Amino acid sequence: MNHVGTQELTTKRLTLRKLKLEDFHDIFNNWAGDKEVAKYTTWYAHQSEEVTQEYVKMVVRPYNELNYYCWGIEYQKNLVGMISVIQVDEEAEVCGIGYVLSK
């Protein structure tokens, strides 16, 4: 595979971009702190913005690695979700993705 890392992608409706540390407030309010959104995910709803802030620090740390992919999903200038590559099989050249969207 030819890895290029998390690059910004823009369509007519959406922008996929790297998350920023200051996004934690929107992430908490739009999906991470929402029990209904987290109901069918592999993680529990965050109990506080501080938990989300620590999570975002972990997410943005490896952005300089070319085999790391994690985007914030913007719709009409609002951060409404995220999508990331969660599993890579280099030999088969396939990967899995995980995503979450706000209500």
PDB file of N, CA and C in Angstrom:
ATOM      1  N   MET A   1       0.841  -1.175   0.000  1.00  0.00           N
ATOM      2  CA  MET A   1       0.000   0.000   0.000  1.00  0.00           C
ATOM      3  C   MET A   1       0.889   1.242   0.000  1.00  0.00           C
ATOM      4  N   ASN A   2       0.409   2.254  -0.651  1.00  0.00           N
ATOM      5  CA  ASN A   2       1.109   3.531  -0.675  1.00  0.00           C
ATOM      6  C   ASN A   2       0.388   4.487   0.278  1.00  0.00           C
ATOM      7  N   HIS A   3       0.865   4.569   1.501  1.00  0.00           N
ATOM      8  CA  HIS A   3       0.202   5.399   2.508  1.00  0.00           C
ATOM      9  C   HIS A   3       0.536   6.871   2.313  1.00  0.00           C
ATOM     10  N   VAL A   4      -0.469   7.718   2.513  1.00  0.00           N
ATOM     11  CA  VAL A   4      -0.281   9.162   2.372  1.00  0.00           C
ATOM     12  C   VAL A   4      -0.742   9.910   3.625  1.00  0.00           C
ATOM     13  N   GLY A   5      -1.256   9.221   4.613  1.00  0.00           N
ATOM     14  CA  GLY A   5      -1.702   9.868   5.839  1.00  0.00           C
ATOM     15  C   GLY A   5      -3.029  10.585   5.666  1.00  0.00           C
ATOM     16  N   THR A   6      -3.441  11.247   6.712  1.00  0.00           N
ATOM     17  CA  THR A   6      -4.723  11.947   6.734  1.00  0.00           C
ATOM     18  C   THR A   6      -4.612  13.239   5.936  1.00  0.00           C
ATOM     19  N   GLN A   7      -5.179  13.231   4.759  1.00  0.00           N
ATOM     20  CA  GLN A   7      -5.189  14.409   3.890  1.00  0.00           C
ATOM     21  C   GLN A   7      -6.599  14.988   3.877  1.00  0.00           C
ATOM     22  N   GLU A   8      -6.710  16.303   3.749  1.00  0.00           N
ATOM     23  CA  GLU A   8      -8.038  16.915   3.675  1.00  0.00           C
ATOM     24  C   GLU A   8      -8.718  16.534   2.370  1.00  0.00           C
ATOM     25  N   LEU A   9      -9.992  16.185   2.463  1.00  0.00           N
ATOM     26  CA  LEU A   9     -10.805  15.816   1.312  1.00  0.00           C
ATOM     27  C   LEU A   9     -12.059  16.683   1.321  1.00  0.00           C
ATOM     28  N   THR A  10     -12.380  17.277   0.183  1.00  0.00           N
ATOM     29  CA  THR A  10     -13.528  18.162   0.105  1.00  0.00           C
ATOM     30  C   THR A  10     -14.434  17.745  -1.045  1.00  0.00           C
ATOM     31  N   THR A  11     -15.734  17.680  -0.751  1.00  0.00           N
ATOM     32  CA  THR A  11     -16.745  17.430  -1.781  1.00  0.00           C
ATOM     33  C   THR A  11     -17.690  18.631  -1.784  1.00  0.00           C
ATOM     34  N   LYS A  12     -18.726  18.571  -2.595  1.00  0.00           N
ATOM     35  CA  LYS A  12     -19.703  19.662  -2.618  1.00  0.00           C
ATOM     36  C   LYS A  12     -20.389  19.830  -1.268  1.00  0.00           C
ATOM     37  N   ARG A  13     -20.573  18.735  -0.524  1.00  0.00           N
ATOM     38  CA  ARG A  13     -21.328  18.794   0.726  1.00  0.00           C
ATOM     39  C   ARG A  13     -20.487  18.673   1.984  1.00  0.00           C
ATOM     40  N   LEU A  14     -19.377  17.960   1.919  1.00  0.00           N
ATOM     41  CA  LEU A  14     -18.612  17.641   3.118  1.00  0.00           C
ATOM     42  C   LEU A  14     -17.142  18.012   2.988  1.00  0.00           C
ATOM     43  N   THR A  15     -16.524  18.231   4.131  1.00  0.00           N
ATOM     44  CA  THR A  15     -15.067  18.332   4.211  1.00  0.00           C
ATOM     45  C   THR A  15     -14.614  17.322   5.251  1.00  0.00           C
ATOM     46  N   LEU A  16     -13.662  16.496   4.874  1.00  0.00           N
ATOM     47  CA  LEU A  16     -13.019  15.589   5.817  1.00  0.00           C
ATOM     48  C   LEU A  16     -11.667  16.212   6.126  1.00  0.00           C
ATOM     49  N   ARG A  17     -11.404  16.460   7.402  1.00  0.00           N
ATOM     50  CA  ARG A  17     -10.182  17.160   7.783  1.00  0.00           C
ATOM     51  C   ARG A  17      -9.616  16.579   9.066  1.00  0.00           C
ATOM     52  N   LYS A  18      -8.338  16.902   9.303  1.00  0.00           N
ATOM     53  CA  LYS A  18      -7.728  16.498  10.556  1.00  0.00           C
ATOM     54  C   LYS A  18      -8.449  17.194  11.709  1.00  0.00           C
ATOM     55  N   LEU A  19      -8.601  16.454  12.781  1.00  0.00           N
ATOM     56  CA  LEU A  19      -9.152  17.058  13.987  1.00  0.00           C
ATOM     57  C   LEU A  19      -8.102  17.953  14.626  1.00  0.00           C
ATOM     58  N   LYS A  20      -8.563  18.944  15.372  1.00  0.00           N
ATOM     59  CA  LYS A  20      -7.691  19.870  16.089  1.00  0.00           C
ATOM     60  C   LYS A  20      -8.012  19.786  17.572  1.00  0.00           C
ATOM     61  N   LEU A  21      -7.035  20.095  18.416  1.00  0.00           N
ATOM     62  CA  LEU A  21      -7.247  20.031  19.854  1.00  0.00           C
ATOM     63  C   LEU A  21      -8.457  20.856  20.288  1.00  0.00           C
ATOM     64  N   GLU A  22      -8.661  22.000  19.644  1.00  0.00           N
ATOM     65  CA  GLU A  22      -9.775  22.862  20.038  1.00  0.00           C
ATOM     66  C   GLU A  22     -11.147  22.338  19.599  1.00  0.00           C
ATOM     67  N   ASP A  23     -11.190  21.214  18.887  1.00  0.00           N
ATOM     68  CA  ASP A  23     -12.464  20.607  18.475  1.00  0.00           C
ATOM     69  C   ASP A  23     -13.166  19.860  19.609  1.00  0.00           C
ATOM     70  N   PHE A  24     -12.494  19.690  20.751  1.00  0.00           N
ATOM     71  CA  PHE A  24     -13.049  18.825  21.793  1.00  0.00           C
ATOM     72  C   PHE A  24     -14.447  19.246  22.235  1.00  0.00           C
ATOM     73  N   HIS A  25     -14.701  20.537  22.303  1.00  0.00           N
ATOM     74  CA  HIS A  25     -16.018  21.013  22.744  1.00  0.00           C
ATOM     75  C   HIS A  25     -17.115  20.555  21.773  1.00  0.00           C
ATOM     76  N   ASP A  26     -16.890  20.747  20.466  1.00  0.00           N
ATOM     77  CA  ASP A  26     -17.871  20.315  19.460  1.00  0.00           C
ATOM     78  C   ASP A  26     -18.024  18.797  19.455  1.00  0.00           C
ATOM     79  N   ILE A  27     -16.924  18.084  19.598  1.00  0.00           N
ATOM     80  CA  ILE A  27     -16.970  16.621  19.607  1.00  0.00           C
ATOM     81  C   ILE A  27     -17.813  16.132  20.782  1.00  0.00           C
ATOM     82  N   PHE A  28     -17.574  16.702  21.951  1.00  0.00           N
ATOM     83  CA  PHE A  28     -18.350  16.299  23.134  1.00  0.00           C
ATOM     84  C   PHE A  28     -19.834  16.607  22.946  1.00  0.00           C
ATOM     85  N   ASN A  29     -20.137  17.814  22.528  1.00  0.00           N
ATOM     86  CA  ASN A  29     -21.538  18.234  22.400  1.00  0.00           C
ATOM     87  C   ASN A  29     -22.266  17.560  21.241  1.00  0.00           C
ATOM     88  N   ASN A  30     -21.573  17.257  20.162  1.00  0.00           N
ATOM     89  CA  ASN A  30     -22.245  16.734  18.970  1.00  0.00           C
ATOM     90  C   ASN A  30     -22.371  15.212  18.949  1.00  0.00           C
ATOM     91  N   TRP A  31     -21.434  14.482  19.578  1.00  0.00           N
ATOM     92  CA  TRP A  31     -21.601  13.028  19.588  1.00  0.00           C
ATOM     93  C   TRP A  31     -20.934  12.307  20.761  1.00  0.00           C
ATOM     94  N   ALA A  32     -19.758  12.673  21.176  1.00  0.00           N
ATOM     95  CA  ALA A  32     -19.036  11.871  22.167  1.00  0.00           C
ATOM     96  C   ALA A  32     -19.739  11.831  23.523  1.00  0.00           C
ATOM     97  N   GLY A  33     -20.440  12.898  23.883  1.00  0.00           N
ATOM     98  CA  GLY A  33     -21.150  12.931  25.152  1.00  0.00           C
ATOM     99  C   GLY A  33     -22.596  12.490  25.072  1.00  0.00           C
ATOM    100  N   ASP A  34     -23.010  12.018  23.909  1.00  0.00           N
ATOM    101  CA  ASP A  34     -24.415  11.656  23.671  1.00  0.00           C
ATOM    102  C   ASP A  34     -24.611  10.149  23.844  1.00  0.00           C
ATOM    103  N   LYS A  35     -25.345   9.751  24.880  1.00  0.00           N
ATOM    104  CA  LYS A  35     -25.577   8.331  25.150  1.00  0.00           C
ATOM    105  C   LYS A  35     -26.326   7.634  24.023  1.00  0.00           C
ATOM    106  N   GLU A  36     -27.214   8.352  23.362  1.00  0.00           N
ATOM    107  CA  GLU A  36     -27.945   7.744  22.244  1.00  0.00           C
ATOM    108  C   GLU A  36     -27.022   7.443  21.066  1.00  0.00           C
ATOM    109  N   VAL A  37     -26.086   8.323  20.795  1.00  0.00           N
ATOM    110  CA  VAL A  37     -25.126   8.089  19.711  1.00  0.00           C
ATOM    111  C   VAL A  37     -24.210   6.930  20.078  1.00  0.00           C
ATOM    112  N   ALA A  38     -23.746   6.895  21.318  1.00  0.00           N
ATOM    113  CA  ALA A  38     -22.796   5.865  21.751  1.00  0.00           C
ATOM    114  C   ALA A  38     -23.439   4.498  21.940  1.00  0.00           C
ATOM    115  N   LYS A  39     -24.744   4.437  21.936  1.00  0.00           N
ATOM    116  CA  LYS A  39     -25.464   3.194  22.246  1.00  0.00           C
ATOM    117  C   LYS A  39     -24.994   1.998  21.410  1.00  0.00           C
ATOM    118  N   TYR A  40     -24.727   2.211  20.142  1.00  0.00           N
ATOM    119  CA  TYR A  40     -24.350   1.100  19.264  1.00  0.00           C
ATOM    120  C   TYR A  40     -22.884   1.171  18.823  1.00  0.00           C
ATOM    121  N   THR A  41     -22.064   1.847  19.610  1.00  0.00           N
ATOM    122  CA  THR A  41     -20.640   1.934  19.294  1.00  0.00           C
ATOM    123  C   THR A  41     -19.855   1.009  20.219  1.00  0.00           C
ATOM    124  N   THR A  42     -18.547   0.966  20.024  1.00  0.00           N
ATOM    125  CA  THR A  42     -17.684   0.139  20.868  1.00  0.00           C
ATOM    126  C   THR A  42     -17.188   0.911  22.081  1.00  0.00           C
ATOM    127  N   TRP A  43     -17.653   2.140  22.277  1.00  0.00           N
ATOM    128  CA  TRP A  43     -17.215   2.974  23.395  1.00  0.00           C
ATOM    129  C   TRP A  43     -18.431   3.547  24.120  1.00  0.00           C
ATOM    130  N   TYR A  44     -18.195   3.988  25.330  1.00  0.00           N
ATOM    131  CA  TYR A  44     -19.246   4.600  26.144  1.00  0.00           C
ATOM    132  C   TYR A  44     -19.238   6.112  25.930  1.00  0.00           C
ATOM    133  N   ALA A  45     -20.392   6.736  26.106  1.00  0.00           N
ATOM    134  CA  ALA A  45     -20.477   8.193  26.019  1.00  0.00           C
ATOM    135  C   ALA A  45     -19.528   8.814  27.040  1.00  0.00           C
ATOM    136  N   HIS A  46     -18.851   9.878  26.627  1.00  0.00           N
ATOM    137  CA  HIS A  46     -17.938  10.577  27.523  1.00  0.00           C
ATOM    138  C   HIS A  46     -18.745  11.288  28.607  1.00  0.00           C
ATOM    139  N   GLN A  47     -18.242  11.244  29.818  1.00  0.00           N
ATOM    140  CA  GLN A  47     -18.937  11.838  30.953  1.00  0.00           C
ATOM    141  C   GLN A  47     -18.639  13.329  31.123  1.00  0.00           C
ATOM    142  N   SER A  48     -17.581  13.809  30.471  1.00  0.00           N
ATOM    143  CA  SER A  48     -17.209  15.215  30.617  1.00  0.00           C
ATOM    144  C   SER A  48     -16.393  15.669  29.407  1.00  0.00           C
ATOM    145  N   GLU A  49     -16.304  16.987  29.240  1.00  0.00           N
ATOM    146  CA  GLU A  49     -15.469  17.540  28.175  1.00  0.00           C
ATOM    147  C   GLU A  49     -13.996  17.213  28.405  1.00  0.00           C
ATOM    148  N   GLU A  50     -13.593  17.048  29.663  1.00  0.00           N
ATOM    149  CA  GLU A  50     -12.200  16.704  29.962  1.00  0.00           C
ATOM    150  C   GLU A  50     -11.846  15.335  29.380  1.00  0.00           C
ATOM    151  N   VAL A  51     -12.770  14.388  29.449  1.00  0.00           N
ATOM    152  CA  VAL A  51     -12.538  13.062  28.856  1.00  0.00           C
ATOM    153  C   VAL A  51     -12.371  13.206  27.349  1.00  0.00           C
ATOM    154  N   THR A  52     -13.230  13.999  26.733  1.00  0.00           N
ATOM    155  CA  THR A  52     -13.140  14.211  25.288  1.00  0.00           C
ATOM    156  C   THR A  52     -11.850  14.921  24.927  1.00  0.00           C
ATOM    157  N   GLN A  53     -11.441  15.878  25.728  1.00  0.00           N
ATOM    158  CA  GLN A  53     -10.201  16.600  25.465  1.00  0.00           C
ATOM    159  C   GLN A  53      -9.011  15.640  25.472  1.00  0.00           C
ATOM    160  N   GLU A  54      -8.955  14.722  26.418  1.00  0.00           N
ATOM    161  CA  GLU A  54      -7.878  13.725  26.463  1.00  0.00           C
ATOM    162  C   GLU A  54      -7.952  12.789  25.260  1.00  0.00           C
ATOM    163  N   TYR A  55      -9.157  12.423  24.869  1.00  0.00           N
ATOM    164  CA  TYR A  55      -9.338  11.565  23.698  1.00  0.00           C
ATOM    165  C   TYR A  55      -8.818  12.256  22.434  1.00  0.00           C
ATOM    166  N   VAL A  56      -9.152  13.527  22.268  1.00  0.00           N
ATOM    167  CA  VAL A  56      -8.702  14.257  21.075  1.00  0.00           C
ATOM    168  C   VAL A  56      -7.178  14.364  21.057  1.00  0.00           C
ATOM    169  N   LYS A  57      -6.562  14.551  22.208  1.00  0.00           N
ATOM    170  CA  LYS A  57      -5.090  14.579  22.269  1.00  0.00           C
ATOM    171  C   LYS A  57      -4.517  13.279  21.728  1.00  0.00           C
ATOM    172  N   MET A  58      -5.135  12.161  22.096  1.00  0.00           N
ATOM    173  CA  MET A  58      -4.677  10.855  21.631  1.00  0.00           C
ATOM    174  C   MET A  58      -4.876  10.704  20.122  1.00  0.00           C
ATOM    175  N   VAL A  59      -5.989  11.223  19.615  1.00  0.00           N
ATOM    176  CA  VAL A  59      -6.318  11.103  18.190  1.00  0.00           C
ATOM    177  C   VAL A  59      -5.364  11.923  17.320  1.00  0.00           C
ATOM    178  N   VAL A  60      -5.034  13.126  17.739  1.00  0.00           N
ATOM    179  CA  VAL A  60      -4.229  14.006  16.881  1.00  0.00           C
ATOM    180  C   VAL A  60      -2.732  13.705  16.954  1.00  0.00           C
ATOM    181  N   ARG A  61      -2.280  13.055  18.004  1.00  0.00           N
ATOM    182  CA  ARG A  61      -0.847  12.788  18.195  1.00  0.00           C
ATOM    183  C   ARG A  61      -0.188  12.095  16.998  1.00  0.00           C
ATOM    184  N   PRO A  62      -0.777  11.044  16.403  1.00  0.00           N
ATOM    185  CA  PRO A  62      -0.085  10.341  15.316  1.00  0.00           C
ATOM    186  C   PRO A  62      -0.319  10.905  13.911  1.00  0.00           C
ATOM    187  N   TYR A  63      -0.829  12.128  13.780  1.00  0.00           N
ATOM    188  CA  TYR A  63      -1.104  12.667  12.451  1.00  0.00           C
ATOM    189  C   TYR A  63       0.129  12.744  11.553  1.00  0.00           C
ATOM    190  N   ASN A  64       1.312  12.761  12.099  1.00  0.00           N
ATOM    191  CA  ASN A  64       2.508  12.809  11.247  1.00  0.00           C
ATOM    192  C   ASN A  64       2.889  11.436  10.679  1.00  0.00           C
ATOM    193  N   GLU A  65       2.193  10.390  11.083  1.00  0.00           N
ATOM    194  CA  GLU A  65       2.462   9.046  10.567  1.00  0.00           C
ATOM    195  C   GLU A  65       1.680   8.832   9.269  1.00  0.00           C
ATOM    196  N   LEU A  66       2.360   8.367   8.242  1.00  0.00           N
ATOM    197  CA  LEU A  66       1.729   8.218   6.927  1.00  0.00           C
ATOM    198  C   LEU A  66       0.706   7.089   6.859  1.00  0.00           C
ATOM    199  N   ASN A  67       0.725   6.182   7.819  1.00  0.00           N
ATOM    200  CA  ASN A  67      -0.244   5.082   7.807  1.00  0.00           C
ATOM    201  C   ASN A  67      -1.375   5.307   8.812  1.00  0.00           C
ATOM    202  N   TYR A  68      -1.586   6.552   9.207  1.00  0.00           N
ATOM    203  CA  TYR A  68      -2.636   6.915  10.159  1.00  0.00           C
ATOM    204  C   TYR A  68      -3.678   7.771   9.452  1.00  0.00           C
ATOM    205  N   TYR A  69      -4.952   7.375   9.631  1.00  0.00           N
ATOM    206  CA  TYR A  69      -6.049   8.064   8.951  1.00  0.00           C
ATOM    207  C   TYR A  69      -7.193   8.305   9.928  1.00  0.00           C
ATOM    208  N   CYS A  70      -7.485   9.561  10.188  1.00  0.00           N
ATOM    209  CA  CYS A  70      -8.597   9.915  11.060  1.00  0.00           C
ATOM    210  C   CYS A  70      -9.067  11.310  10.684  1.00  0.00           C
ATOM    211  N   TRP A  71     -10.316  11.406  10.258  1.00  0.00           N
ATOM    212  CA  TRP A  71     -10.867  12.673   9.788  1.00  0.00           C
ATOM    213  C   TRP A  71     -12.038  13.112  10.654  1.00  0.00           C
ATOM    214  N   GLY A  72     -12.151  14.415  10.848  1.00  0.00           N
ATOM    215  CA  GLY A  72     -13.381  15.017  11.335  1.00  0.00           C
ATOM    216  C   GLY A  72     -14.263  15.263  10.124  1.00  0.00           C
ATOM    217  N   ILE A  73     -15.551  15.079  10.268  1.00  0.00           N
ATOM    218  CA  ILE A  73     -16.497  15.279   9.167  1.00  0.00           C
ATOM    219  C   ILE A  73     -17.215  16.607   9.392  1.00  0.00           C
ATOM    220  N   GLU A  74     -17.016  17.525   8.464  1.00  0.00           N
ATOM    221  CA  GLU A  74     -17.683  18.824   8.537  1.00  0.00           C
ATOM    222  C   GLU A  74     -18.801  18.887   7.504  1.00  0.00           C
ATOM    223  N   TYR A  75     -19.935  19.383   7.948  1.00  0.00           N
ATOM    224  CA  TYR A  75     -21.077  19.617   7.079  1.00  0.00           C
ATOM    225  C   TYR A  75     -21.569  21.027   7.363  1.00  0.00           C
ATOM    226  N   GLN A  76     -21.604  21.840   6.364  1.00  0.00           N
ATOM    227  CA  GLN A  76     -22.013  23.240   6.500  1.00  0.00           C
ATOM    228  C   GLN A  76     -21.240  23.918   7.638  1.00  0.00           C
ATOM    229  N   LYS A  77     -19.919  23.703   7.639  1.00  0.00           N
ATOM    230  CA  LYS A  77     -18.997  24.324   8.612  1.00  0.00           C
ATOM    231  C   LYS A  77     -19.159  23.811  10.043  1.00  0.00           C
ATOM    232  N   ASN A  78     -19.967  22.768  10.245  1.00  0.00           N
ATOM    233  CA  ASN A  78     -20.159  22.177  11.570  1.00  0.00           C
ATOM    234  C   ASN A  78     -19.513  20.802  11.627  1.00  0.00           C
ATOM    235  N   LEU A  79     -18.807  20.516  12.703  1.00  0.00           N
ATOM    236  CA  LEU A  79     -18.203  19.216  12.904  1.00  0.00           C
ATOM    237  C   LEU A  79     -19.284  18.248  13.357  1.00  0.00           C
ATOM    238  N   VAL A  80     -19.638  17.275  12.507  1.00  0.00           N
ATOM    239  CA  VAL A  80     -20.776  16.398  12.769  1.00  0.00           C
ATOM    240  C   VAL A  80     -20.394  14.938  12.979  1.00  0.00           C
ATOM    241  N   GLY A  81     -19.124  14.604  12.886  1.00  0.00           N
ATOM    242  CA  GLY A  81     -18.726  13.218  13.084  1.00  0.00           C
ATOM    243  C   GLY A  81     -17.257  13.023  12.791  1.00  0.00           C
ATOM    244  N   MET A  82     -16.878  11.764  12.807  1.00  0.00           N
ATOM    245  CA  MET A  82     -15.501  11.418  12.456  1.00  0.00           C
ATOM    246  C   MET A  82     -15.476  10.038  11.818  1.00  0.00           C
ATOM    247  N   ILE A  83     -14.423   9.820  11.049  1.00  0.00           N
ATOM    248  CA  ILE A  83     -14.229   8.545  10.371  1.00  0.00           C
ATOM    249  C   ILE A  83     -12.743   8.223  10.413  1.00  0.00           C
ATOM    250  N   SER A  84     -12.417   6.962  10.627  1.00  0.00           N
ATOM    251  CA  SER A  84     -11.008   6.582  10.696  1.00  0.00           C
ATOM    252  C   SER A  84     -10.808   5.159  10.197  1.00  0.00           C
ATOM    253  N   VAL A  85      -9.594   4.911   9.765  1.00  0.00           N
ATOM    254  CA  VAL A  85      -9.189   3.555   9.396  1.00  0.00           C
ATOM    255  C   VAL A  85      -8.846   2.847  10.695  1.00  0.00           C
ATOM    256  N   ILE A  86      -9.499   1.723  10.943  1.00  0.00           N
ATOM    257  CA  ILE A  86      -9.308   1.039  12.218  1.00  0.00           C
ATOM    258  C   ILE A  86      -8.563  -0.283  12.080  1.00  0.00           C
ATOM    259  N   GLN A  87      -8.428  -0.759  10.881  1.00  0.00           N
ATOM    260  CA  GLN A  87      -7.803  -2.061  10.677  1.00  0.00           C
ATOM    261  C   GLN A  87      -7.203  -2.081   9.280  1.00  0.00           C
ATOM    262  N   VAL A  88      -5.941  -2.473   9.170  1.00  0.00           N
ATOM    263  CA  VAL A  88      -5.279  -2.523   7.871  1.00  0.00           C
ATOM    264  C   VAL A  88      -4.662  -3.898   7.694  1.00  0.00           C
ATOM    265  N   ASP A  89      -4.894  -4.508   6.533  1.00  0.00           N
ATOM    266  CA  ASP A  89      -4.224  -5.741   6.147  1.00  0.00           C
ATOM    267  C   ASP A  89      -3.333  -5.385   4.963  1.00  0.00           C
ATOM    268  N   GLU A  90      -2.064  -5.125   5.258  1.00  0.00           N
ATOM    269  CA  GLU A  90      -1.122  -4.684   4.226  1.00  0.00           C
ATOM    270  C   GLU A  90      -0.988  -5.718   3.104  1.00  0.00           C
ATOM    271  N   GLU A  91      -0.962  -6.983   3.466  1.00  0.00           N
ATOM    272  CA  GLU A  91      -0.775  -8.047   2.469  1.00  0.00           C
ATOM    273  C   GLU A  91      -1.947  -8.093   1.486  1.00  0.00           C
ATOM    274  N   ALA A  92      -3.159  -8.021   1.997  1.00  0.00           N
ATOM    275  CA  ALA A  92      -4.350  -8.068   1.140  1.00  0.00           C
ATOM    276  C   ALA A  92      -4.694  -6.698   0.565  1.00  0.00           C
ATOM    277  N   GLU A  93      -4.043  -5.661   1.077  1.00  0.00           N
ATOM    278  CA  GLU A  93      -4.297  -4.276   0.661  1.00  0.00           C
ATOM    279  C   GLU A  93      -5.773  -3.893   0.846  1.00  0.00           C
ATOM    280  N   VAL A  94      -6.280  -4.191   2.041  1.00  0.00           N
ATOM    281  CA  VAL A  94      -7.646  -3.812   2.411  1.00  0.00           C
ATOM    282  C   VAL A  94      -7.615  -3.198   3.807  1.00  0.00           C
ATOM    283  N   CYS A  95      -8.660  -2.460   4.118  1.00  0.00           N
ATOM    284  CA  CYS A  95      -8.757  -1.879   5.454  1.00  0.00           C
ATOM    285  C   CYS A  95     -10.215  -1.795   5.870  1.00  0.00           C
ATOM    286  N   GLY A  96     -10.417  -1.651   7.157  1.00  0.00           N
ATOM    287  CA  GLY A  96     -11.745  -1.430   7.709  1.00  0.00           C
ATOM    288  C   GLY A  96     -11.838   0.004   8.183  1.00  0.00           C
ATOM    289  N   ILE A  97     -13.048   0.492   8.299  1.00  0.00           N
ATOM    290  CA  ILE A  97     -13.230   1.850   8.790  1.00  0.00           C
ATOM    291  C   ILE A  97     -14.240   1.857   9.926  1.00  0.00           C
ATOM    292  N   GLY A  98     -14.131   2.859  10.758  1.00  0.00           N
ATOM    293  CA  GLY A  98     -15.101   3.106  11.809  1.00  0.00           C
ATOM    294  C   GLY A  98     -15.547   4.549  11.671  1.00  0.00           C
ATOM    295  N   TYR A  99     -16.801   4.795  11.986  1.00  0.00           N
ATOM    296  CA  TYR A  99     -17.279   6.173  11.893  1.00  0.00           C
ATOM    297  C   TYR A  99     -18.357   6.409  12.942  1.00  0.00           C
ATOM    298  N   VAL A 100     -18.555   7.671  13.236  1.00  0.00           N
ATOM    299  CA  VAL A 100     -19.621   8.078  14.133  1.00  0.00           C
ATOM    300  C   VAL A 100     -20.157   9.410  13.610  1.00  0.00           C
ATOM    301  N   LEU A 101     -21.472   9.555  13.689  1.00  0.00           N
ATOM    302  CA  LEU A 101     -22.146  10.786  13.265  1.00  0.00           C
ATOM    303  C   LEU A 101     -23.041  11.280  14.380  1.00  0.00           C
ATOM    304  N   SER A 102     -23.132  12.576  14.520  1.00  0.00           N
ATOM    305  CA  SER A 102     -24.047  13.139  15.500  1.00  0.00           C
ATOM    306  C   SER A 102     -25.485  12.897  15.038  1.00  0.00           C
ATOM    307  N   LYS A 103     -26.421  13.039  15.964  1.00  0.00           N
ATOM    308  CA  LYS A 103     -27.827  12.844  15.617  1.00  0.00           C
ATOM    309  C   LYS A 103     -28.262  13.884  14.630  1.00  0.00           C
TER     310      LYS A 103
END
